[in-house]
Amino acid sequence: MIRLARPADLASLADIERSAGKRFLGTAMAWAADDDPVPLAALEQAQAAGLLWIADAEDARPAGFALARPMDGDLYLAEMAVSLPRQGRGLGRALLLAVRAHASAAGYRSVVLSTDRELPWNAPFYRRHGFSELPPDRLPAQLAARLRHEAEAGFDPARRCAMVCPVRA
C-alpha cells in the first residue's frame, strides 16, 4: 500500500535508505552504499508539504519511500528507496505511480529526476516506466544545477543523466 507519510514514519526512513544503499555494493557506485541518508529536517519538510510517500510492507511497516520537491514547474523526484529485502516486489513502481499521480493532480508539467544511466534499477527502470533522458541543452536551470552539484559531490558526470516523464499535455 502506498500512502502519504506520517510524522511517526520519519525515524524509520534512514534505515530503509541504508538498506537500499547496499544494492550499490560491487558496482561503479559502491561508495553510495555508505552515503548519508536524507536529513530528518528535509523529510519533515516534505512530509508537511505532502511530498513524501510511504510504501508499506505486508506487516504495515514502511518498506520504502519517495520524496519529491517542486523544481522549475516540474516535480523533482529527489529520493526513492526500498529496503533491500523488499525490492523486486513492485513497491518502487507503486511509489513512482503515486508521485506521477500527485504531479498530474497538482498541475505540474512533468516528473523529473537525476540518476545513473547504467545501473538497471536507475535509468533503465525509469525508462520502463515512461521516463526519457533530457538532452543537456533542454535541461531546466535547477535540474542542470542539480547535475553540477552531483558532479561536485563525486558522482561520475559521464554516468549521470536527467530524465523526464510528462504528466499533462
N, C-alpha and C. Protein backbone atom coordinates (compact mmCIF):
# COMPACT_ATOMS: atom_id res chain seq x y z
N MET A 1 0.84 -1.18 0.00
CA MET A 1 0.00 0.00 0.00
C MET A 1 0.89 1.25 0.00
N ILE A 2 0.51 2.21 -0.79
CA ILE A 2 1.22 3.49 -0.85
C ILE A 2 0.34 4.53 -0.17
N ARG A 3 0.97 5.34 0.66
CA ARG A 3 0.24 6.39 1.37
C ARG A 3 1.18 7.55 1.63
N LEU A 4 0.60 8.68 2.00
CA LEU A 4 1.42 9.82 2.42
C LEU A 4 2.06 9.51 3.76
N ALA A 5 3.25 10.01 3.95
CA ALA A 5 3.99 9.79 5.19
C ALA A 5 3.32 10.50 6.35
N ARG A 6 3.48 9.88 7.51
CA ARG A 6 3.05 10.49 8.77
C ARG A 6 4.30 10.81 9.58
N PRO A 7 4.23 11.76 10.50
CA PRO A 7 5.42 12.08 11.30
C PRO A 7 6.05 10.86 11.96
N ALA A 8 5.26 9.90 12.39
CA ALA A 8 5.80 8.71 13.06
C ALA A 8 6.64 7.84 12.12
N ASP A 9 6.49 8.00 10.80
CA ASP A 9 7.26 7.20 9.84
C ASP A 9 8.69 7.67 9.69
N LEU A 10 8.94 8.93 9.96
CA LEU A 10 10.20 9.56 9.56
C LEU A 10 11.43 8.90 10.17
N ALA A 11 11.34 8.46 11.39
CA ALA A 11 12.51 7.87 12.05
C ALA A 11 12.98 6.58 11.37
N SER A 12 12.09 5.87 10.69
CA SER A 12 12.47 4.60 10.05
C SER A 12 13.05 4.77 8.65
N LEU A 13 12.96 5.95 8.07
CA LEU A 13 13.34 6.12 6.67
C LEU A 13 14.85 6.05 6.45
N ALA A 14 15.66 6.47 7.41
CA ALA A 14 17.11 6.37 7.25
C ALA A 14 17.53 4.91 7.15
N ASP A 15 16.91 4.03 7.94
CA ASP A 15 17.24 2.60 7.87
C ASP A 15 16.86 2.02 6.51
N ILE A 16 15.73 2.44 5.96
CA ILE A 16 15.32 1.99 4.63
C ILE A 16 16.35 2.44 3.60
N GLU A 17 16.76 3.69 3.70
CA GLU A 17 17.73 4.22 2.75
C GLU A 17 19.07 3.50 2.85
N ARG A 18 19.52 3.22 4.07
CA ARG A 18 20.78 2.49 4.24
C ARG A 18 20.68 1.08 3.68
N SER A 19 19.56 0.42 3.91
CA SER A 19 19.35 -0.93 3.38
C SER A 19 19.36 -0.90 1.86
N ALA A 20 18.63 0.02 1.26
CA ALA A 20 18.59 0.14 -0.20
C ALA A 20 19.98 0.43 -0.76
N GLY A 21 20.76 1.22 -0.04
CA GLY A 21 22.09 1.58 -0.49
C GLY A 21 23.03 0.39 -0.65
N LYS A 22 22.76 -0.68 0.08
CA LYS A 22 23.62 -1.87 -0.02
C LYS A 22 23.60 -2.48 -1.42
N ARG A 23 22.57 -2.17 -2.18
CA ARG A 23 22.49 -2.68 -3.54
C ARG A 23 23.60 -2.12 -4.43
N PHE A 24 24.18 -1.00 -4.03
CA PHE A 24 25.25 -0.38 -4.82
C PHE A 24 26.60 -1.08 -4.63
N LEU A 25 26.73 -1.90 -3.58
CA LEU A 25 28.00 -2.61 -3.36
C LEU A 25 28.34 -3.45 -4.58
N GLY A 26 29.61 -3.40 -5.00
CA GLY A 26 30.05 -4.16 -6.16
C GLY A 26 29.76 -3.50 -7.49
N THR A 27 29.29 -2.25 -7.47
CA THR A 27 29.01 -1.52 -8.71
C THR A 27 29.96 -0.32 -8.80
N ALA A 28 29.86 0.41 -9.91
CA ALA A 28 30.65 1.63 -10.08
C ALA A 28 30.27 2.70 -9.06
N MET A 29 29.15 2.53 -8.40
CA MET A 29 28.70 3.49 -7.38
C MET A 29 28.74 2.88 -5.98
N ALA A 30 29.69 1.99 -5.74
CA ALA A 30 29.77 1.32 -4.44
C ALA A 30 29.85 2.30 -3.28
N TRP A 31 30.47 3.46 -3.50
CA TRP A 31 30.59 4.47 -2.45
C TRP A 31 29.22 4.93 -1.96
N ALA A 32 28.19 4.82 -2.81
CA ALA A 32 26.85 5.27 -2.43
C ALA A 32 26.25 4.41 -1.31
N ALA A 33 26.77 3.21 -1.13
CA ALA A 33 26.28 2.34 -0.06
C ALA A 33 26.50 2.97 1.31
N ASP A 34 27.49 3.84 1.41
CA ASP A 34 27.79 4.50 2.69
C ASP A 34 27.35 5.96 2.71
N ASP A 35 26.58 6.38 1.71
CA ASP A 35 26.14 7.76 1.62
C ASP A 35 25.22 8.10 2.79
N ASP A 36 25.25 9.35 3.21
CA ASP A 36 24.37 9.80 4.29
C ASP A 36 22.92 9.77 3.85
N PRO A 37 22.01 9.37 4.74
CA PRO A 37 20.59 9.40 4.38
C PRO A 37 20.09 10.84 4.31
N VAL A 38 18.90 10.99 3.75
CA VAL A 38 18.25 12.29 3.68
C VAL A 38 18.13 12.85 5.10
N PRO A 39 18.51 14.10 5.31
CA PRO A 39 18.41 14.68 6.66
C PRO A 39 16.95 14.69 7.16
N LEU A 40 16.80 14.49 8.45
CA LEU A 40 15.47 14.47 9.05
C LEU A 40 14.71 15.75 8.76
N ALA A 41 15.37 16.88 8.78
CA ALA A 41 14.69 18.16 8.51
C ALA A 41 14.08 18.17 7.10
N ALA A 42 14.77 17.60 6.12
CA ALA A 42 14.23 17.54 4.76
C ALA A 42 13.03 16.60 4.70
N LEU A 43 13.08 15.50 5.43
CA LEU A 43 11.95 14.59 5.49
C LEU A 43 10.75 15.26 6.15
N GLU A 44 11.00 15.98 7.24
CA GLU A 44 9.91 16.69 7.93
C GLU A 44 9.27 17.71 7.01
N GLN A 45 10.08 18.45 6.28
CA GLN A 45 9.55 19.46 5.36
C GLN A 45 8.71 18.81 4.26
N ALA A 46 9.21 17.74 3.68
CA ALA A 46 8.47 17.05 2.61
C ALA A 46 7.18 16.45 3.15
N GLN A 47 7.25 15.87 4.33
CA GLN A 47 6.04 15.28 4.93
C GLN A 47 4.99 16.35 5.17
N ALA A 48 5.40 17.49 5.70
CA ALA A 48 4.45 18.58 5.96
C ALA A 48 3.84 19.13 4.67
N ALA A 49 4.59 19.07 3.57
CA ALA A 49 4.12 19.59 2.29
C ALA A 49 3.33 18.54 1.49
N GLY A 50 3.21 17.32 2.00
CA GLY A 50 2.51 16.26 1.28
C GLY A 50 3.30 15.73 0.09
N LEU A 51 4.63 15.76 0.22
CA LEU A 51 5.51 15.32 -0.87
C LEU A 51 6.42 14.17 -0.46
N LEU A 52 5.93 13.35 0.46
CA LEU A 52 6.67 12.18 0.92
C LEU A 52 5.69 11.02 1.03
N TRP A 53 5.96 9.98 0.25
CA TRP A 53 5.09 8.82 0.19
C TRP A 53 5.78 7.62 0.80
N ILE A 54 4.98 6.75 1.40
CA ILE A 54 5.47 5.54 2.07
C ILE A 54 4.89 4.32 1.37
N ALA A 55 5.73 3.32 1.15
CA ALA A 55 5.27 2.01 0.69
C ALA A 55 5.28 1.10 1.91
N ASP A 56 4.12 0.67 2.31
CA ASP A 56 4.03 -0.23 3.46
C ASP A 56 4.23 -1.67 3.01
N ALA A 57 4.92 -2.44 3.84
CA ALA A 57 5.11 -3.86 3.61
C ALA A 57 3.84 -4.59 4.07
N GLU A 58 3.86 -5.91 3.93
CA GLU A 58 2.71 -6.72 4.34
C GLU A 58 2.37 -6.53 5.81
N ASP A 59 3.38 -6.23 6.63
CA ASP A 59 3.15 -6.05 8.06
C ASP A 59 2.77 -4.61 8.42
N ALA A 60 2.45 -3.80 7.40
CA ALA A 60 2.02 -2.41 7.56
C ALA A 60 3.12 -1.50 8.09
N ARG A 61 4.37 -1.94 8.02
CA ARG A 61 5.50 -1.09 8.40
C ARG A 61 6.14 -0.54 7.14
N PRO A 62 6.68 0.68 7.19
CA PRO A 62 7.30 1.26 6.00
C PRO A 62 8.43 0.38 5.45
N ALA A 63 8.38 0.14 4.13
CA ALA A 63 9.41 -0.64 3.45
C ALA A 63 10.10 0.17 2.36
N GLY A 64 9.55 1.33 2.07
CA GLY A 64 10.12 2.19 1.04
C GLY A 64 9.51 3.57 1.12
N PHE A 65 10.15 4.50 0.41
CA PHE A 65 9.61 5.86 0.38
C PHE A 65 10.06 6.59 -0.87
N ALA A 66 9.31 7.61 -1.20
CA ALA A 66 9.65 8.53 -2.30
C ALA A 66 9.48 9.94 -1.78
N LEU A 67 10.46 10.77 -2.06
CA LEU A 67 10.46 12.17 -1.62
C LEU A 67 10.58 13.05 -2.86
N ALA A 68 9.70 14.03 -2.97
CA ALA A 68 9.72 14.92 -4.13
C ALA A 68 9.72 16.37 -3.66
N ARG A 69 10.08 17.25 -4.61
CA ARG A 69 10.01 18.69 -4.32
C ARG A 69 9.78 19.43 -5.63
N PRO A 70 9.12 20.58 -5.57
CA PRO A 70 8.90 21.37 -6.78
C PRO A 70 10.24 21.86 -7.35
N MET A 71 10.30 21.91 -8.71
CA MET A 71 11.52 22.38 -9.37
C MET A 71 11.15 22.92 -10.75
N ASP A 72 11.24 24.20 -10.94
CA ASP A 72 11.03 24.82 -12.26
C ASP A 72 9.70 24.42 -12.90
N GLY A 73 8.62 24.33 -12.12
CA GLY A 73 7.32 23.96 -12.67
C GLY A 73 7.10 22.47 -12.82
N ASP A 74 8.12 21.69 -12.49
CA ASP A 74 8.03 20.23 -12.51
C ASP A 74 8.09 19.72 -11.07
N LEU A 75 7.87 18.44 -10.90
CA LEU A 75 8.04 17.81 -9.60
C LEU A 75 9.30 16.95 -9.69
N TYR A 76 10.29 17.28 -8.87
CA TYR A 76 11.58 16.59 -8.87
C TYR A 76 11.52 15.43 -7.88
N LEU A 77 11.77 14.22 -8.36
CA LEU A 77 11.87 13.05 -7.51
C LEU A 77 13.27 13.03 -6.92
N ALA A 78 13.37 13.50 -5.69
CA ALA A 78 14.68 13.70 -5.06
C ALA A 78 15.27 12.41 -4.51
N GLU A 79 14.41 11.49 -4.06
CA GLU A 79 14.89 10.24 -3.47
C GLU A 79 13.79 9.21 -3.55
N MET A 80 14.17 8.00 -3.91
CA MET A 80 13.26 6.87 -3.83
C MET A 80 14.09 5.69 -3.37
N ALA A 81 13.63 5.03 -2.32
CA ALA A 81 14.36 3.91 -1.75
C ALA A 81 13.38 2.85 -1.26
N VAL A 82 13.75 1.60 -1.51
CA VAL A 82 13.00 0.46 -0.99
C VAL A 82 14.01 -0.43 -0.29
N SER A 83 13.69 -0.87 0.93
CA SER A 83 14.63 -1.70 1.68
C SER A 83 15.01 -2.93 0.85
N LEU A 84 16.26 -3.32 0.94
CA LEU A 84 16.79 -4.39 0.10
C LEU A 84 15.94 -5.67 0.15
N PRO A 85 15.51 -6.16 1.33
CA PRO A 85 14.72 -7.39 1.34
C PRO A 85 13.36 -7.26 0.64
N ARG A 86 12.88 -6.04 0.47
CA ARG A 86 11.55 -5.81 -0.13
C ARG A 86 11.62 -5.42 -1.61
N GLN A 87 12.83 -5.31 -2.16
CA GLN A 87 12.96 -4.94 -3.56
C GLN A 87 12.48 -6.07 -4.47
N GLY A 88 12.05 -5.68 -5.67
CA GLY A 88 11.59 -6.66 -6.64
C GLY A 88 10.15 -7.09 -6.45
N ARG A 89 9.41 -6.37 -5.63
CA ARG A 89 8.01 -6.73 -5.36
C ARG A 89 7.03 -5.67 -5.86
N GLY A 90 7.53 -4.71 -6.64
CA GLY A 90 6.64 -3.69 -7.20
C GLY A 90 6.47 -2.45 -6.36
N LEU A 91 7.17 -2.36 -5.23
CA LEU A 91 7.00 -1.19 -4.37
C LEU A 91 7.56 0.07 -5.02
N GLY A 92 8.71 -0.03 -5.68
CA GLY A 92 9.27 1.13 -6.37
C GLY A 92 8.35 1.64 -7.46
N ARG A 93 7.80 0.71 -8.24
CA ARG A 93 6.86 1.08 -9.30
C ARG A 93 5.63 1.76 -8.70
N ALA A 94 5.11 1.20 -7.61
CA ALA A 94 3.92 1.79 -6.97
C ALA A 94 4.23 3.19 -6.42
N LEU A 95 5.39 3.37 -5.82
CA LEU A 95 5.78 4.70 -5.35
C LEU A 95 5.86 5.68 -6.51
N LEU A 96 6.48 5.24 -7.59
CA LEU A 96 6.63 6.10 -8.77
C LEU A 96 5.26 6.49 -9.33
N LEU A 97 4.34 5.56 -9.38
CA LEU A 97 2.99 5.86 -9.86
C LEU A 97 2.30 6.87 -8.94
N ALA A 98 2.51 6.77 -7.64
CA ALA A 98 1.91 7.73 -6.70
C ALA A 98 2.48 9.13 -6.92
N VAL A 99 3.78 9.22 -7.14
CA VAL A 99 4.41 10.52 -7.39
C VAL A 99 3.86 11.11 -8.69
N ARG A 100 3.77 10.30 -9.73
CA ARG A 100 3.24 10.79 -11.01
C ARG A 100 1.79 11.22 -10.88
N ALA A 101 0.98 10.46 -10.16
CA ALA A 101 -0.42 10.83 -9.97
C ALA A 101 -0.53 12.15 -9.23
N HIS A 102 0.28 12.33 -8.21
CA HIS A 102 0.26 13.60 -7.47
C HIS A 102 0.67 14.75 -8.38
N ALA A 103 1.73 14.55 -9.15
CA ALA A 103 2.21 15.61 -10.05
C ALA A 103 1.11 16.02 -11.02
N SER A 104 0.41 15.05 -11.57
CA SER A 104 -0.68 15.36 -12.50
C SER A 104 -1.80 16.12 -11.80
N ALA A 105 -2.23 15.62 -10.65
CA ALA A 105 -3.34 16.26 -9.92
C ALA A 105 -2.97 17.66 -9.43
N ALA A 106 -1.70 17.88 -9.11
CA ALA A 106 -1.27 19.17 -8.57
C ALA A 106 -0.90 20.17 -9.68
N GLY A 107 -0.97 19.76 -10.93
CA GLY A 107 -0.73 20.68 -12.04
C GLY A 107 0.70 20.84 -12.49
N TYR A 108 1.57 19.96 -12.05
CA TYR A 108 2.95 20.00 -12.54
C TYR A 108 2.98 19.53 -14.00
N ARG A 109 3.95 20.01 -14.76
CA ARG A 109 4.10 19.57 -16.16
C ARG A 109 4.58 18.14 -16.23
N SER A 110 5.61 17.84 -15.40
CA SER A 110 6.32 16.58 -15.51
C SER A 110 6.90 16.19 -14.16
N VAL A 111 7.31 14.94 -14.09
CA VAL A 111 8.17 14.48 -13.01
C VAL A 111 9.57 14.40 -13.61
N VAL A 112 10.54 14.98 -12.92
CA VAL A 112 11.93 14.95 -13.37
C VAL A 112 12.79 14.33 -12.28
N LEU A 113 13.96 13.86 -12.68
CA LEU A 113 14.88 13.25 -11.72
C LEU A 113 16.27 13.23 -12.32
N SER A 114 17.24 12.94 -11.48
CA SER A 114 18.61 12.70 -11.94
C SER A 114 18.98 11.31 -11.45
N THR A 115 19.74 10.58 -12.27
CA THR A 115 20.03 9.19 -11.94
C THR A 115 21.24 8.69 -12.71
N ASP A 116 21.63 7.47 -12.40
CA ASP A 116 22.72 6.80 -13.11
C ASP A 116 22.15 6.19 -14.41
N ARG A 117 22.87 6.40 -15.50
CA ARG A 117 22.42 5.90 -16.81
C ARG A 117 22.42 4.38 -16.90
N GLU A 118 23.31 3.71 -16.19
CA GLU A 118 23.58 2.31 -16.47
C GLU A 118 23.01 1.30 -15.48
N LEU A 119 23.00 1.62 -14.21
CA LEU A 119 22.52 0.64 -13.23
C LEU A 119 21.07 0.26 -13.55
N PRO A 120 20.75 -1.04 -13.58
CA PRO A 120 19.42 -1.47 -14.03
C PRO A 120 18.27 -0.91 -13.19
N TRP A 121 18.51 -0.62 -11.93
CA TRP A 121 17.44 -0.09 -11.08
C TRP A 121 17.44 1.44 -11.09
N ASN A 122 18.19 2.04 -11.97
CA ASN A 122 18.21 3.50 -12.14
C ASN A 122 17.58 3.84 -13.50
N ALA A 123 18.31 4.47 -14.41
CA ALA A 123 17.72 4.93 -15.67
C ALA A 123 16.94 3.84 -16.41
N PRO A 124 17.43 2.62 -16.53
CA PRO A 124 16.63 1.60 -17.23
C PRO A 124 15.26 1.36 -16.57
N PHE A 125 15.22 1.37 -15.24
CA PHE A 125 13.95 1.23 -14.52
C PHE A 125 13.01 2.37 -14.89
N TYR A 126 13.52 3.60 -14.83
CA TYR A 126 12.66 4.76 -15.13
C TYR A 126 12.21 4.76 -16.59
N ARG A 127 13.08 4.34 -17.52
CA ARG A 127 12.68 4.25 -18.93
C ARG A 127 11.49 3.31 -19.10
N ARG A 128 11.54 2.19 -18.40
CA ARG A 128 10.43 1.22 -18.48
C ARG A 128 9.13 1.81 -17.95
N HIS A 129 9.22 2.88 -17.19
CA HIS A 129 8.03 3.49 -16.60
C HIS A 129 7.72 4.87 -17.18
N GLY A 130 8.12 5.09 -18.43
CA GLY A 130 7.68 6.28 -19.16
C GLY A 130 8.61 7.47 -19.14
N PHE A 131 9.77 7.37 -18.52
CA PHE A 131 10.71 8.48 -18.49
C PHE A 131 11.63 8.42 -19.71
N SER A 132 12.09 9.58 -20.13
CA SER A 132 13.09 9.67 -21.20
C SER A 132 14.19 10.62 -20.74
N GLU A 133 15.37 10.39 -21.30
CA GLU A 133 16.51 11.22 -20.93
C GLU A 133 16.38 12.60 -21.57
N LEU A 134 16.69 13.62 -20.79
CA LEU A 134 16.69 15.00 -21.28
C LEU A 134 18.07 15.33 -21.83
N PRO A 135 18.15 15.83 -23.06
CA PRO A 135 19.47 16.25 -23.56
C PRO A 135 19.96 17.47 -22.78
N PRO A 136 21.28 17.61 -22.65
CA PRO A 136 21.84 18.71 -21.85
C PRO A 136 21.33 20.10 -22.25
N ASP A 137 21.04 20.31 -23.53
CA ASP A 137 20.58 21.63 -23.96
C ASP A 137 19.10 21.88 -23.66
N ARG A 138 18.39 20.89 -23.11
CA ARG A 138 16.98 21.07 -22.74
C ARG A 138 16.75 20.99 -21.23
N LEU A 139 17.82 21.02 -20.47
CA LEU A 139 17.68 20.93 -19.02
C LEU A 139 17.17 22.23 -18.43
N PRO A 140 16.12 22.17 -17.61
CA PRO A 140 15.72 23.36 -16.85
C PRO A 140 16.89 23.78 -15.94
N ALA A 141 16.94 25.05 -15.60
CA ALA A 141 18.08 25.60 -14.86
C ALA A 141 18.36 24.85 -13.56
N GLN A 142 17.33 24.59 -12.76
CA GLN A 142 17.57 23.94 -11.47
C GLN A 142 18.02 22.48 -11.64
N LEU A 143 17.54 21.81 -12.67
CA LEU A 143 17.96 20.43 -12.89
C LEU A 143 19.41 20.39 -13.37
N ALA A 144 19.79 21.34 -14.22
CA ALA A 144 21.19 21.44 -14.65
C ALA A 144 22.08 21.72 -13.45
N ALA A 145 21.62 22.59 -12.55
CA ALA A 145 22.39 22.88 -11.34
C ALA A 145 22.50 21.64 -10.46
N ARG A 146 21.45 20.86 -10.41
CA ARG A 146 21.47 19.63 -9.61
C ARG A 146 22.54 18.66 -10.14
N LEU A 147 22.61 18.50 -11.46
CA LEU A 147 23.64 17.62 -12.03
C LEU A 147 25.04 18.15 -11.76
N ARG A 148 25.22 19.46 -11.81
CA ARG A 148 26.54 20.03 -11.48
C ARG A 148 26.88 19.76 -10.02
N HIS A 149 25.92 19.93 -9.14
CA HIS A 149 26.13 19.66 -7.71
C HIS A 149 26.51 18.19 -7.49
N GLU A 150 25.84 17.28 -8.18
CA GLU A 150 26.15 15.86 -8.05
C GLU A 150 27.58 15.58 -8.50
N ALA A 151 28.01 16.20 -9.59
CA ALA A 151 29.39 16.01 -10.08
C ALA A 151 30.38 16.52 -9.04
N GLU A 152 30.08 17.66 -8.43
CA GLU A 152 30.96 18.21 -7.38
C GLU A 152 31.00 17.29 -6.16
N ALA A 153 29.92 16.55 -5.93
CA ALA A 153 29.84 15.65 -4.78
C ALA A 153 30.49 14.29 -5.05
N GLY A 154 30.99 14.08 -6.27
CA GLY A 154 31.69 12.85 -6.57
C GLY A 154 31.01 11.91 -7.55
N PHE A 155 29.78 12.22 -7.96
CA PHE A 155 29.13 11.39 -8.97
C PHE A 155 29.88 11.53 -10.29
N ASP A 156 30.01 10.46 -11.04
CA ASP A 156 30.66 10.48 -12.35
C ASP A 156 29.72 11.15 -13.34
N PRO A 157 30.05 12.35 -13.84
CA PRO A 157 29.12 13.05 -14.74
C PRO A 157 28.86 12.30 -16.04
N ALA A 158 29.76 11.43 -16.46
CA ALA A 158 29.53 10.65 -17.68
C ALA A 158 28.43 9.61 -17.48
N ARG A 159 28.19 9.24 -16.23
CA ARG A 159 27.15 8.23 -15.93
C ARG A 159 25.83 8.87 -15.53
N ARG A 160 25.83 10.15 -15.21
CA ARG A 160 24.62 10.80 -14.72
C ARG A 160 23.77 11.32 -15.86
N CYS A 161 22.47 11.32 -15.66
CA CYS A 161 21.56 11.91 -16.63
C CYS A 161 20.35 12.47 -15.90
N ALA A 162 19.65 13.33 -16.59
CA ALA A 162 18.36 13.85 -16.11
C ALA A 162 17.29 13.21 -16.97
N MET A 163 16.18 12.88 -16.33
CA MET A 163 15.09 12.22 -17.04
C MET A 163 13.79 12.96 -16.75
N VAL A 164 12.83 12.80 -17.65
CA VAL A 164 11.54 13.49 -17.54
C VAL A 164 10.43 12.54 -17.93
N CYS A 165 9.29 12.69 -17.26
CA CYS A 165 8.07 11.98 -17.61
C CYS A 165 6.93 12.99 -17.56
N PRO A 166 6.43 13.42 -18.71
CA PRO A 166 5.32 14.38 -18.72
C PRO A 166 4.10 13.76 -18.05
N VAL A 167 3.37 14.58 -17.31
CA VAL A 167 2.16 14.10 -16.65
C VAL A 167 0.92 14.83 -17.18
N ARG A 168 1.13 15.84 -18.01
CA ARG A 168 0.00 16.51 -18.65
C ARG A 168 0.46 17.06 -20.00
N ALA A 169 -0.52 17.23 -20.86
CA ALA A 169 -0.19 17.70 -22.23
C ALA A 169 0.08 19.18 -22.27
